[in-house]
Amino acid sequence: MRVLICGGGVIGAAIAYFLSRRGVEAVVIERTGLACAASGKSGGFLALDWCDGTPLAPLARRSFALHDELARTVDDAWGYRRLTTYGGFAEAAGAAPAARRDGDVAWLSADVQVTRRLGSAQTTAQVDPGAFTAALMRAAEAHGATLRRGQVTGLLRGAQAARVDGVMVDDAPVPGDAVVIALGPWSILATQWLTLPAVFGLKGHSLVFETGAQVPAQALFLDLQEADGTALAPELFPRADGTTYVCAISSEAPLPLDPAAVAPDAGAIERLEAICGRLSPVLGQAPIRARQACYRPVTRDGLPLIGRVPGIANAYVATGHSVWGILNAPATGEAMADLITTGAAVAVDLRPFDPARLRPFDPARLRLGER
């Protein structure tokens, strides 16, 4: 069996990994580069129980366990470690500092008040998302998977209308027994070939600082109000490699057609740098390794699309994971591998994520930015 996976992000790599472990030939087709978008530019934060009370809970809990298992069984490294996670807020500049509670996070400024512990080393963890994606792909390749560079431009259609025979890559045919759409927000392009709901891109900006040993394994989720009254929610994730990732600013800028064309909005990075200097003197003085932006894939109801494409027996989709793409990639990959090879997922019920639950997108409405 040969499965063509359109998209070289963490979801595509995870599907390839679990398929390859089942003896299936997986071919990942990627236009720009492995983990070139959100899979390489996100925070990599993992939480066991933050999705409890939602349809995502079983997927998240299974995936959190798989992250730990993969870190112990795959002969590679991607900065996996457990964290203590705190919540708090940033006071208005110049306000008298209040006493910190539930842990003294010493690398923050006096304007930042830590008010609660949100997670322990038993319930929160992290990875370097780009390194994790690359490691999964290497492990898949060791079991027979391949990574092919090229742009998917269409589907191969045979005599049976309810099946596909492969994909077109740079207008050349690539045959396969099944096709998976895992293009993140660019999955909306597949609505030109398949009946699928819309997947949108929400843009986020981030910085990666070189902080060395000055910042311990303490993740932060903060509330902050800027001078003009704008409310932001900075997230700070120190990593095992001595860097610290910070994000806080989102926008609804149009998704460009080419992932390589994604760039920060004008002024967004400078604004984020100023925020970081306010939050921590360590960040204010640290060299910046990366100034970046990416688009998170989101759906109308906030749940991912994971399952068979309506009306097509051997076409599948796995996208729309929003902020939980890195967390939920392993369980998504495992479930998709089961679905493709046996007809049903084993560890997770995929019914809440059935693409048929949402109305199809009309491709005539497709408008992407050109920059």
Foldseek 3Di string as FASTA:
>chain_A
DEEEEEAQALQLLLLLLQLLVVVYAYEYEAAPDHNLFCLQAAFFKAFQAPCPPHQCNLLLNVLVVVVVVCCVPQPFAFQKFFFWEFEWAFADPPDQADDAPDDDQPQWDSRTHTHGTDDGSVTMIGGNRRRSSVSSNVSSVVSNYYYHHFDFDAWAPDPDPQATQATQTVNHGDGDPFYEYAHAQLSQVCLVHAFFAHKAWKKWKKWKFQLAPPGDRYKYWYWYADPVGDIWTKIWGQTPVRIIMIIIDIDRPFAANDSVPFFDDPPPQVVVLVVQVNTGVSSVPTDIDDTGMHIGIAGPVRAWAFAAGPSHDRYTYTYHNGSCCSSSSNSSSQQNSCCNPPNGGDSHHCVVRHRVVDGTDDCVPDDGDHD
